[in-house]
C-alpha atoms as a PDB file:
ATOM      1  CA  MET A   1      24.110 127.831  70.645  1.00  0.00           C
ATOM      2  CA  THR A   2      27.427 127.014  72.694  1.00  0.00           C
ATOM      3  CA  ARG A   3      30.224 129.570  72.815  1.00  0.00           C
ATOM      4  CA  SER A   4      33.357 128.780  71.881  1.00  0.00           C
ATOM      5  CA  VAL A   5      37.274 128.781  73.406  1.00  0.00           C
ATOM      6  CA  LEU A   6      40.085 129.272  71.252  1.00  0.00           C
ATOM      7  CA  VAL A   7      43.178 127.528  73.635  1.00  0.00           C
ATOM      8  CA  VAL A   8      46.576 129.084  72.362  1.00  0.00           C
ATOM      9  CA  THR A   9      50.108 126.928  73.344  1.00  0.00           C
ATOM     10  CA  HIS A  10      53.622 126.782  74.041  1.00  0.00           C
ATOM     11  CA  HIS A  11      54.103 123.865  70.981  1.00  0.00           C
ATOM     12  CA  GLY A  12      57.525 123.851  72.805  1.00  0.00           C
ATOM     13  CA  ARG A  13      56.845 122.688  75.745  1.00  0.00           C
ATOM     14  CA  PRO A  14      54.978 119.155  77.441  1.00  0.00           C
ATOM     15  CA  GLU A  15      53.919 120.247  80.120  1.00  0.00           C
ATOM     16  CA  ALA A  16      51.850 123.186  77.837  1.00  0.00           C
ATOM     17  CA  LEU A  17      50.646 120.332  75.549  1.00  0.00           C
ATOM     18  CA  HIS A  18      49.463 118.172  78.468  1.00  0.00           C
ATOM     19  CA  ALA A  19      47.548 121.345  79.711  1.00  0.00           C
ATOM     20  CA  ALA A  20      45.627 122.401  76.825  1.00  0.00           C
ATOM     21  CA  GLU A  21      44.070 118.641  76.936  1.00  0.00           C
ATOM     22  CA  GLU A  22      43.387 119.281  80.577  1.00  0.00           C
ATOM     23  CA  VAL A  23      41.705 122.566  79.800  1.00  0.00           C
ATOM     24  CA  ALA A  24      40.361 121.166  76.489  1.00  0.00           C
ATOM     25  CA  GLY A  25      38.233 118.421  78.736  1.00  0.00           C
ATOM     26  CA  ALA A  26      37.219 121.077  80.791  1.00  0.00           C
ATOM     27  CA  LEU A  27      35.920 123.297  78.715  1.00  0.00           C
ATOM     28  CA  ARG A  28      33.718 120.514  77.302  1.00  0.00           C
ATOM     29  CA  ARG A  29      32.629 119.613  80.962  1.00  0.00           C
ATOM     30  CA  ALA A  30      31.253 122.872  81.304  1.00  0.00           C
ATOM     31  CA  GLY A  31      29.122 123.136  78.304  1.00  0.00           C
ATOM     32  CA  LEU A  32      32.186 125.133  76.516  1.00  0.00           C
ATOM     33  CA  GLU A  33      33.625 124.396  72.837  1.00  0.00           C
ATOM     34  CA  PRO A  34      37.471 124.517  72.537  1.00  0.00           C
ATOM     35  CA  LEU A  35      39.249 125.533  69.625  1.00  0.00           C
ATOM     36  CA  THR A  36      42.846 124.918  68.340  1.00  0.00           C
ATOM     37  CA  GLU A  37      44.447 127.681  65.918  1.00  0.00           C
ATOM     38  CA  ALA A  38      43.499 125.884  62.987  1.00  0.00           C
ATOM     39  CA  ASP A  39      39.890 126.065  64.307  1.00  0.00           C
ATOM     40  CA  SER A  40      39.161 129.366  64.870  1.00  0.00           C
ATOM     41  CA  PHE A  41      39.306 131.622  61.471  1.00  0.00           C
ATOM     42  CA  GLY A  42      36.518 132.954  60.510  1.00  0.00           C
ATOM     43  CA  ARG A  43      34.623 132.323  63.794  1.00  0.00           C
ATOM     44  CA  ASP A  44      32.724 134.948  64.959  1.00  0.00           C
ATOM     45  CA  ASP A  45      31.535 133.122  68.269  1.00  0.00           C
ATOM     46  CA  LEU A  46      34.896 133.676  70.027  1.00  0.00           C
ATOM     47  CA  ALA A  47      34.310 133.971  74.206  1.00  0.00           C
ATOM     48  CA  MET A  48      37.734 133.976  75.533  1.00  0.00           C
ATOM     49  CA  VAL A  49      41.195 133.009  74.267  1.00  0.00           C
ATOM     50  CA  LEU A  50      42.972 130.733  76.892  1.00  0.00           C
ATOM     51  CA  VAL A  51      47.077 131.080  76.650  1.00  0.00           C
ATOM     52  CA  LEU A  52      48.921 128.524  78.050  1.00  0.00           C
ATOM     53  CA  GLY A  53      52.481 128.961  78.582  1.00  0.00           C
ATOM     54  CA  GLY A  54      54.342 132.196  78.968  1.00  0.00           C
ATOM     55  CA  ASP A  55      54.614 136.084  77.829  1.00  0.00           C
ATOM     56  CA  GLY A  56      55.530 135.461  75.183  1.00  0.00           C
ATOM     57  CA  THR A  57      52.650 133.039  73.994  1.00  0.00           C
ATOM     58  CA  ILE A  58      50.498 135.393  75.466  1.00  0.00           C
ATOM     59  CA  LEU A  59      51.506 137.654  73.224  1.00  0.00           C
ATOM     60  CA  ARG A  60      51.317 135.462  69.683  1.00  0.00           C
ATOM     61  CA  ALA A  61      47.737 135.060  71.124  1.00  0.00           C
ATOM     62  CA  ALA A  62      47.244 139.144  70.726  1.00  0.00           C
ATOM     63  CA  GLU A  63      48.475 139.269  67.752  1.00  0.00           C
ATOM     64  CA  LEU A  64      45.639 136.799  66.548  1.00  0.00           C
ATOM     65  CA  VAL A  65      42.542 138.685  68.243  1.00  0.00           C
ATOM     66  CA  ARG A  66      43.671 141.307  67.329  1.00  0.00           C
ATOM     67  CA  GLY A  67      41.243 143.887  65.549  1.00  0.00           C
ATOM     68  CA  THR A  68      38.481 142.153  67.954  1.00  0.00           C
ATOM     69  CA  GLN A  69      36.853 142.884  71.385  1.00  0.00           C
ATOM     70  CA  VAL A  70      38.010 139.050  72.615  1.00  0.00           C
ATOM     71  CA  PRO A  71      39.653 138.962  75.757  1.00  0.00           C
ATOM     72  CA  LEU A  72      42.775 136.691  76.937  1.00  0.00           C
ATOM     73  CA  LEU A  73      43.396 134.985  79.967  1.00  0.00           C
ATOM     74  CA  GLY A  74      47.270 133.468  80.574  1.00  0.00           C
ATOM     75  CA  PHE A  75      47.935 130.304  82.336  1.00  0.00           C
ATOM     76  CA  ASN A  76      51.664 130.965  83.817  1.00  0.00           C
ATOM     77  CA  LEU A  77      53.526 128.474  82.507  1.00  0.00           C
ATOM     78  CA  GLY A  78      57.042 130.454  81.842  1.00  0.00           C
ATOM     79  CA  HIS A  79      59.508 132.179  83.863  1.00  0.00           C
ATOM     80  CA  VAL A  80      58.063 135.329  85.409  1.00  0.00           C
ATOM     81  CA  GLY A  81      54.244 136.060  83.276  1.00  0.00           C
ATOM     82  CA  PHE A  82      53.074 139.007  84.068  1.00  0.00           C
ATOM     83  CA  LEU A  83      50.268 138.789  81.709  1.00  0.00           C
ATOM     84  CA  ALA A  84      49.595 135.808  83.067  1.00  0.00           C
ATOM     85  CA  GLU A  85      46.721 135.846  85.254  1.00  0.00           C
ATOM     86  CA  ALA A  86      46.234 131.964  86.967  1.00  0.00           C
ATOM     87  CA  GLU A  87      48.045 129.046  87.559  1.00  0.00           C
ATOM     88  CA  ARG A  88      48.004 125.147  85.655  1.00  0.00           C
ATOM     89  CA  GLU A  89      46.553 124.373  89.036  1.00  0.00           C
ATOM     90  CA  ASP A  90      43.634 126.315  88.505  1.00  0.00           C
ATOM     91  CA  ILE A  91      42.276 125.070  85.086  1.00  0.00           C
ATOM     92  CA  ASP A  92      38.877 123.801  86.691  1.00  0.00           C
ATOM     93  CA  GLU A  93      38.184 126.694  88.686  1.00  0.00           C
ATOM     94  CA  VAL A  94      38.902 129.140  86.404  1.00  0.00           C
ATOM     95  CA  VAL A  95      36.860 127.194  83.031  1.00  0.00           C
ATOM     96  CA  ARG A  96      33.658 127.338  85.687  1.00  0.00           C
ATOM     97  CA  ARG A  97      34.145 131.314  86.018  1.00  0.00           C
ATOM     98  CA  ILE A  98      34.236 131.907  82.039  1.00  0.00           C
ATOM     99  CA  ALA A  99      31.406 129.728  81.723  1.00  0.00           C
ATOM    100  CA  GLU A 100      29.321 131.893  84.269  1.00  0.00           C
ATOM    101  CA  GLY A 101      31.384 135.233  83.198  1.00  0.00           C
ATOM    102  CA  ASP A 102      32.432 135.727  86.250  1.00  0.00           C
ATOM    103  CA  TYR A 103      35.823 137.733  85.706  1.00  0.00           C
ATOM    104  CA  ALA A 104      36.051 141.153  84.800  1.00  0.00           C
ATOM    105  CA  VAL A 105      38.045 142.607  81.519  1.00  0.00           C
ATOM    106  CA  GLU A 106      41.329 145.043  81.370  1.00  0.00           C
ATOM    107  CA  GLU A 107      41.963 147.151  78.703  1.00  0.00           C
ATOM    108  CA  ARG A 108      46.095 147.437  78.215  1.00  0.00           C
ATOM    109  CA  GLY A 109      47.630 150.291  75.651  1.00  0.00           C
ATOM    110  CA  THR A 110      49.180 149.021  72.766  1.00  0.00           C
ATOM    111  CA  LEU A 111      51.920 151.578  70.397  1.00  0.00           C
ATOM    112  CA  GLU A 112      51.179 151.717  66.854  1.00  0.00           C
ATOM    113  CA  VAL A 113      54.666 151.749  64.586  1.00  0.00           C
ATOM    114  CA  ARG A 114      55.319 153.370  61.592  1.00  0.00           C
ATOM    115  CA  VAL A 115      58.746 153.044  59.818  1.00  0.00           C
ATOM    116  CA  LEU A 116      59.788 155.157  57.221  1.00  0.00           C
ATOM    117  CA  ARG A 117      62.215 154.427  54.812  1.00  0.00           C
ATOM    118  CA  PRO A 118      63.852 156.763  52.338  1.00  0.00           C
ATOM    119  CA  GLY A 119      62.485 156.831  48.833  1.00  0.00           C
ATOM    120  CA  GLU A 120      59.805 153.373  49.968  1.00  0.00           C
ATOM    121  CA  PRO A 121      55.822 152.948  51.018  1.00  0.00           C
ATOM    122  CA  VAL A 122      55.484 153.449  54.852  1.00  0.00           C
ATOM    123  CA  GLU A 123      55.724 150.345  56.955  1.00  0.00           C
ATOM    124  CA  HIS A 124      53.045 149.463  59.830  1.00  0.00           C
ATOM    125  CA  ASP A 125      53.022 147.522  62.665  1.00  0.00           C
ATOM    126  CA  TRP A 126      51.918 147.721  66.243  1.00  0.00           C
ATOM    127  CA  ALA A 127      52.895 145.975  69.541  1.00  0.00           C
ATOM    128  CA  LEU A 128      51.688 145.494  73.469  1.00  0.00           C
ATOM    129  CA  ASN A 129      54.785 145.619  74.891  1.00  0.00           C
ATOM    130  CA  ASP A 130      57.554 147.486  72.823  1.00  0.00           C
ATOM    131  CA  ALA A 131      59.136 148.559  69.729  1.00  0.00           C
ATOM    132  CA  THR A 132      62.875 147.956  70.076  1.00  0.00           C
ATOM    133  CA  VAL A 133      65.686 149.351  67.748  1.00  0.00           C
ATOM    134  CA  GLU A 134      68.291 147.528  67.777  1.00  0.00           C
ATOM    135  CA  LYS A 135      71.229 147.411  66.263  1.00  0.00           C
ATOM    136  CA  ALA A 136      71.932 144.443  62.994  1.00  0.00           C
ATOM    137  CA  ASP A 137      75.954 144.309  63.781  1.00  0.00           C
ATOM    138  CA  PRO A 138      76.193 142.885  66.940  1.00  0.00           C
ATOM    139  CA  ALA A 139      80.147 144.054  66.639  1.00  0.00           C
ATOM    140  CA  ARG A 140      79.321 147.968  65.969  1.00  0.00           C
ATOM    141  CA  MET A 141      77.133 150.796  67.755  1.00  0.00           C
ATOM    142  CA  LEU A 142      73.843 152.279  66.521  1.00  0.00           C
ATOM    143  CA  GLU A 143      73.919 155.777  65.793  1.00  0.00           C
ATOM    144  CA  VAL A 144      70.533 157.439  66.396  1.00  0.00           C
ATOM    145  CA  VAL A 145      68.652 160.860  67.184  1.00  0.00           C
ATOM    146  CA  VAL A 146      66.082 160.630  69.746  1.00  0.00           C
ATOM    147  CA  GLU A 147      62.908 163.009  68.867  1.00  0.00           C
ATOM    148  CA  VAL A 148      59.699 163.737  71.523  1.00  0.00           C
ATOM    149  CA  ASP A 149      56.518 165.733  69.957  1.00  0.00           C
ATOM    150  CA  GLY A 150      58.455 166.681  67.032  1.00  0.00           C
ATOM    151  CA  ARG A 151      62.242 168.057  68.844  1.00  0.00           C
ATOM    152  CA  PRO A 152      65.329 166.547  68.535  1.00  0.00           C
ATOM    153  CA  LEU A 153      66.193 165.650  72.092  1.00  0.00           C
ATOM    154  CA  SER A 154      69.901 163.798  71.669  1.00  0.00           C
ATOM    155  CA  THR A 155      72.232 161.502  69.424  1.00  0.00           C
ATOM    156  CA  PHE A 156      74.126 159.336  70.756  1.00  0.00           C
ATOM    157  CA  GLY A 157      75.746 155.669  69.690  1.00  0.00           C
ATOM    158  CA  CYS A 158      74.222 152.204  71.497  1.00  0.00           C
ATOM    159  CA  ASP A 159      72.727 148.719  71.859  1.00  0.00           C
ATOM    160  CA  GLY A 160      69.282 150.178  70.209  1.00  0.00           C
ATOM    161  CA  VAL A 161      66.233 152.605  71.944  1.00  0.00           C
ATOM    162  CA  VAL A 162      63.046 150.468  73.735  1.00  0.00           C
ATOM    163  CA  MET A 163      60.236 151.928  73.130  1.00  0.00           C
ATOM    164  CA  ALA A 164      57.667 150.783  75.415  1.00  0.00           C
ATOM    165  CA  THR A 165      53.949 150.999  76.788  1.00  0.00           C
ATOM    166  CA  ALA A 166      53.080 150.447  80.768  1.00  0.00           C
ATOM    167  CA  THR A 167      52.607 147.408  80.014  1.00  0.00           C
ATOM    168  CA  GLY A 168      55.586 146.384  78.339  1.00  0.00           C
ATOM    169  CA  SER A 169      58.098 147.958  81.174  1.00  0.00           C
ATOM    170  CA  THR A 170      57.870 144.812  82.968  1.00  0.00           C
ATOM    171  CA  ALA A 171      60.041 143.136  79.828  1.00  0.00           C
ATOM    172  CA  HIS A 172      63.028 144.847  77.480  1.00  0.00           C
ATOM    173  CA  ALA A 173      62.724 147.934  79.479  1.00  0.00           C
ATOM    174  CA  PHE A 174      63.627 147.045  82.267  1.00  0.00           C
ATOM    175  CA  SER A 175      66.306 144.480  81.449  1.00  0.00           C
ATOM    176  CA  ALA A 176      67.686 148.224  80.015  1.00  0.00           C
ATOM    177  CA  GLY A 177      67.346 149.868  83.107  1.00  0.00           C
ATOM    178  CA  GLY A 178      64.305 151.706  82.529  1.00  0.00           C
ATOM    179  CA  PRO A 179      61.373 152.171  85.558  1.00  0.00           C
ATOM    180  CA  VAL A 180      58.329 149.888  86.499  1.00  0.00           C
ATOM    181  CA  VAL A 181      55.435 151.730  85.331  1.00  0.00           C
ATOM    182  CA  TRP A 182      52.062 150.701  86.745  1.00  0.00           C
ATOM    183  CA  PRO A 183      49.487 149.542  84.117  1.00  0.00           C
ATOM    184  CA  ASP A 184      47.088 151.821  84.861  1.00  0.00           C
ATOM    185  CA  VAL A 185      49.411 154.587  84.078  1.00  0.00           C
ATOM    186  CA  ASP A 186      48.264 156.037  80.119  1.00  0.00           C
ATOM    187  CA  GLY A 187      52.062 156.714  79.355  1.00  0.00           C
ATOM    188  CA  MET A 188      54.950 155.913  76.712  1.00  0.00           C
ATOM    189  CA  LEU A 189      58.220 155.033  78.134  1.00  0.00           C
ATOM    190  CA  LEU A 190      62.053 155.787  76.119  1.00  0.00           C
ATOM    191  CA  VAL A 191      64.997 153.413  77.191  1.00  0.00           C
ATOM    192  CA  PRO A 192      67.949 154.027  75.601  1.00  0.00           C
ATOM    193  CA  VAL A 193      70.494 150.913  75.851  1.00  0.00           C
ATOM    194  CA  SER A 194      73.899 150.688  76.596  1.00  0.00           C
ATOM    195  CA  ALA A 195      74.070 154.146  75.086  1.00  0.00           C
ATOM    196  CA  HIS A 196      77.215 156.612  74.970  1.00  0.00           C
ATOM    197  CA  ALA A 197      76.383 159.444  75.663  1.00  0.00           C
ATOM    198  CA  LEU A 198      75.588 162.193  79.188  1.00  0.00           C
ATOM    199  CA  PHE A 199      71.839 162.235  78.406  1.00  0.00           C
ATOM    200  CA  ALA A 200      70.825 158.899  78.526  1.00  0.00           C
ATOM    201  CA  ARG A 201      67.997 158.161  81.086  1.00  0.00           C
ATOM    202  CA  PRO A 202      64.766 156.877  80.409  1.00  0.00           C
ATOM    203  CA  LEU A 203      61.853 159.175  79.389  1.00  0.00           C
ATOM    204  CA  VAL A 204      58.171 158.251  80.356  1.00  0.00           C
ATOM    205  CA  VAL A 205      55.553 160.569  78.224  1.00  0.00           C
ATOM    206  CA  GLY A 206      52.363 161.121  78.372  1.00  0.00           C
ATOM    207  CA  PRO A 207      49.633 159.375  75.599  1.00  0.00           C
ATOM    208  CA  ARG A 208      49.643 161.879  72.875  1.00  0.00           C
ATOM    209  CA  SER A 209      53.588 162.302  72.510  1.00  0.00           C
ATOM    210  CA  LEU A 210      55.407 161.145  69.137  1.00  0.00           C
ATOM    211  CA  LEU A 211      58.275 158.928  69.760  1.00  0.00           C
ATOM    212  CA  ALA A 212      61.098 158.953  67.011  1.00  0.00           C
ATOM    213  CA  VAL A 213      64.420 157.234  66.638  1.00  0.00           C
ATOM    214  CA  GLU A 214      66.067 157.689  63.119  1.00  0.00           C
ATOM    215  CA  VAL A 215      69.126 155.811  62.222  1.00  0.00           C
ATOM    216  CA  LEU A 216      71.881 158.647  61.754  1.00  0.00           C
ATOM    217  CA  SER A 217      73.552 158.263  58.125  1.00  0.00           C
ATOM    218  CA  ARG A 218      76.733 158.569  59.738  1.00  0.00           C
ATOM    219  CA  SER A 219      76.159 154.926  61.547  1.00  0.00           C
ATOM    220  CA  VAL A 220      78.282 152.236  60.474  1.00  0.00           C
ATOM    221  CA  SER A 221      75.284 149.737  61.360  1.00  0.00           C
ATOM    222  CA  ALA A 222      71.877 149.315  60.156  1.00  0.00           C
ATOM    223  CA  GLY A 223      69.592 148.703  62.817  1.00  0.00           C
ATOM    224  CA  VAL A 224      66.620 146.387  63.144  1.00  0.00           C
ATOM    225  CA  LEU A 225      62.905 147.312  64.555  1.00  0.00           C
ATOM    226  CA  ALA A 226      61.576 144.414  67.042  1.00  0.00           C
ATOM    227  CA  CYS A 227      57.682 144.875  67.962  1.00  0.00           C
ATOM    228  CA  ASP A 228      57.264 142.783  71.016  1.00  0.00           C
ATOM    229  CA  GLY A 229      60.079 140.595  70.089  1.00  0.00           C
ATOM    230  CA  ARG A 230      58.044 138.713  67.541  1.00  0.00           C
ATOM    231  CA  ARG A 231      57.767 140.819  64.757  1.00  0.00           C
ATOM    232  CA  THR A 232      61.438 142.163  62.962  1.00  0.00           C
ATOM    233  CA  THR A 233      62.024 144.467  59.725  1.00  0.00           C
ATOM    234  CA  ALA A 234      65.453 145.686  58.484  1.00  0.00           C
ATOM    235  CA  LEU A 235      65.928 149.687  59.285  1.00  0.00           C
ATOM    236  CA  PRO A 236      69.014 150.651  57.034  1.00  0.00           C
ATOM    237  CA  VAL A 237      70.624 154.133  57.537  1.00  0.00           C
ATOM    238  CA  GLY A 238      68.107 157.285  57.225  1.00  0.00           C
ATOM    239  CA  THR A 239      65.378 155.083  58.160  1.00  0.00           C
ATOM    240  CA  ARG A 240      63.192 156.385  61.178  1.00  0.00           C
ATOM    241  CA  VAL A 241      60.646 154.646  63.509  1.00  0.00           C
ATOM    242  CA  GLU A 242      57.847 156.779  64.902  1.00  0.00           C
ATOM    243  CA  VAL A 243      56.200 155.452  67.569  1.00  0.00           C
ATOM    244  CA  ARG A 244      52.639 156.246  69.597  1.00  0.00           C
ATOM    245  CA  HIS A 245      49.871 155.075  71.404  1.00  0.00           C
ATOM    246  CA  GLY A 246      47.841 152.508  70.160  1.00  0.00           C
ATOM    247  CA  GLU A 247      44.131 152.960  69.325  1.00  0.00           C
ATOM    248  CA  MET A 248      43.202 149.394  69.245  1.00  0.00           C
ATOM    249  CA  PRO A 249      43.652 148.343  73.028  1.00  0.00           C
ATOM    250  CA  VAL A 250      44.468 144.356  74.194  1.00  0.00           C
ATOM    251  CA  ARG A 251      42.184 143.453  76.733  1.00  0.00           C
ATOM    252  CA  LEU A 252      42.759 140.839  79.544  1.00  0.00           C
ATOM    253  CA  ALA A 253      40.585 138.758  81.746  1.00  0.00           C
ATOM    254  CA  ARG A 254      40.782 139.069  85.272  1.00  0.00           C
ATOM    255  CA  LEU A 255      39.550 137.034  87.822  1.00  0.00           C
ATOM    256  CA  GLY A 256      40.254 139.351  90.854  1.00  0.00           C
ATOM    257  CA  PRO A 257      41.057 142.763  91.670  1.00  0.00           C
ATOM    258  CA  ALA A 258      44.807 142.199  92.715  1.00  0.00           C
ATOM    259  CA  PRO A 259      47.550 144.658  93.120  1.00  0.00           C
ATOM    260  CA  PHE A 260      49.964 145.436  90.908  1.00  0.00           C
ATOM    261  CA  THR A 261      52.662 145.248  93.900  1.00  0.00           C
ATOM    262  CA  ASP A 262      51.057 142.523  94.273  1.00  0.00           C
ATOM    263  CA  ARG A 263      51.659 140.831  91.199  1.00  0.00           C
ATOM    264  CA  LEU A 264      55.428 142.471  91.072  1.00  0.00           C
ATOM    265  CA  VAL A 265      56.685 140.602  94.828  1.00  0.00           C
ATOM    266  CA  SER A 266      55.545 137.267  93.273  1.00  0.00           C
ATOM    267  CA  ARG A 267      56.500 137.599  89.964  1.00  0.00           C
ATOM    268  CA  PHE A 268      59.946 139.321  91.170  1.00  0.00           C
ATOM    269  CA  ASP A 269      59.858 137.009  94.684  1.00  0.00           C
ATOM    270  CA  LEU A 270      60.660 140.227  95.841  1.00  0.00           C
ATOM    271  CA  PRO A 271      61.398 140.566 100.233  1.00  0.00           C
ATOM    272  CA  VAL A 272      58.427 142.120 102.101  1.00  0.00           C
ATOM    273  CA  SER A 273      59.003 139.866 105.218  1.00  0.00           C
ATOM    274  CA  GLY A 274      58.980 142.017 108.131  1.00  0.00           C
ATOM    275  CA  TRP A 275      56.002 144.590 106.881  1.00  0.00           C
ATOM    276  CA  ARG A 276      53.518 145.697 109.171  1.00  0.00           C
ATOM    277  CA  GLY A 277      51.241 147.554 107.530  1.00  0.00           C
ATOM    278  CA  ARG A 278      48.677 150.446 108.819  1.00  0.00           C
ATOM    279  CA  ALA A 279      46.489 149.205 111.528  1.00  0.00           C
ATOM    280  CA  PRO A 280      42.871 150.852 111.368  1.00  0.00           C
ATOM    281  CA  ASN A 281      43.648 153.833 113.270  1.00  0.00           C
ATOM    282  CA  GLY A 282      46.127 154.818 110.811  1.00  0.00           C
ATOM    283  CA  ASN A 283      49.163 155.232 113.305  1.00  0.00           C
ATOM    284  CA  GLY A 284      51.457 152.703 112.134  1.00  0.00           C
ATOM    285  CA  GLY A 285      51.102 149.071 111.562  1.00  0.00           C
ATOM    286  CA  ALA A 286      50.114 146.319 114.751  1.00  0.00           C
ATOM    287  CA  PRO A 287      52.274 142.707 114.128  1.00  0.00           C
ATOM    288  CA  ARG A 288      50.254 140.130 111.178  1.00  0.00           C
ATOM    289  CA  ALA A 289      50.973 137.694 108.659  1.00  0.00           C
ATOM    290  CA  GLU A 290      53.852 138.258 106.506  1.00  0.00           C
ATOM    291  CA  ALA A 291      53.022 138.623 102.923  1.00  0.00           C
ATOM    292  CA  PRO A 292      54.456 136.374 100.620  1.00  0.00           C
END
């Protein structure tokens, strides 16, 4: 039986649409059936999802296959593309390896999100990168209390609070001043955004912790919850948002064991000229070609 591959494209970029045509042709030549999003509903024979765009398009693709074992592989057509695995010029080689099963699968942790509004049913959501509580009124601060493992930690006025996975540490949490966390660290981050407080440092907690943010009754602004920057919901005063480690990971296809350090250097164009590394005897480095 012919295996099928879902091709998810950033429809607002002509480059992505042209690349999708190239991918579809390469898949057919390799004996694989390319599917569009409209074609994929109800199909249970998906072998892979190929994503053409930036990290935002990959996050959309993750929504489409949530609850399945289908891995994602992204071609970076965006600006940074931390979740992407390949570049556009790699299309033929990537398709060949997919057809041959020559790839590994890496699981990335997710967040389980609960929204508890006074007098209303609990609302559930999830995130691969982050769940962010933000102020609804740009001109007013959001007053919140932050809680870790059932105990209050601090109250403050702020622009928002980012709760992120290790994968999301290079997204919104990074721009808010949070640390970069290696993807194999099975923890969660809490990063206040522009907080008016003496103690408003980023936190890293373990996978069994429960993070919570409550919009205080004294807050003059309501809040908004954004999950992966894609799905939003209103947070009236008195609403509580709880975040814990999700039970359903996202599976990413990997073509090689490239260290995360190299991905950081490449995506952020970090200066590493002059690096010598460790010599075989472990006593310092000998001159070598500079890292890219």
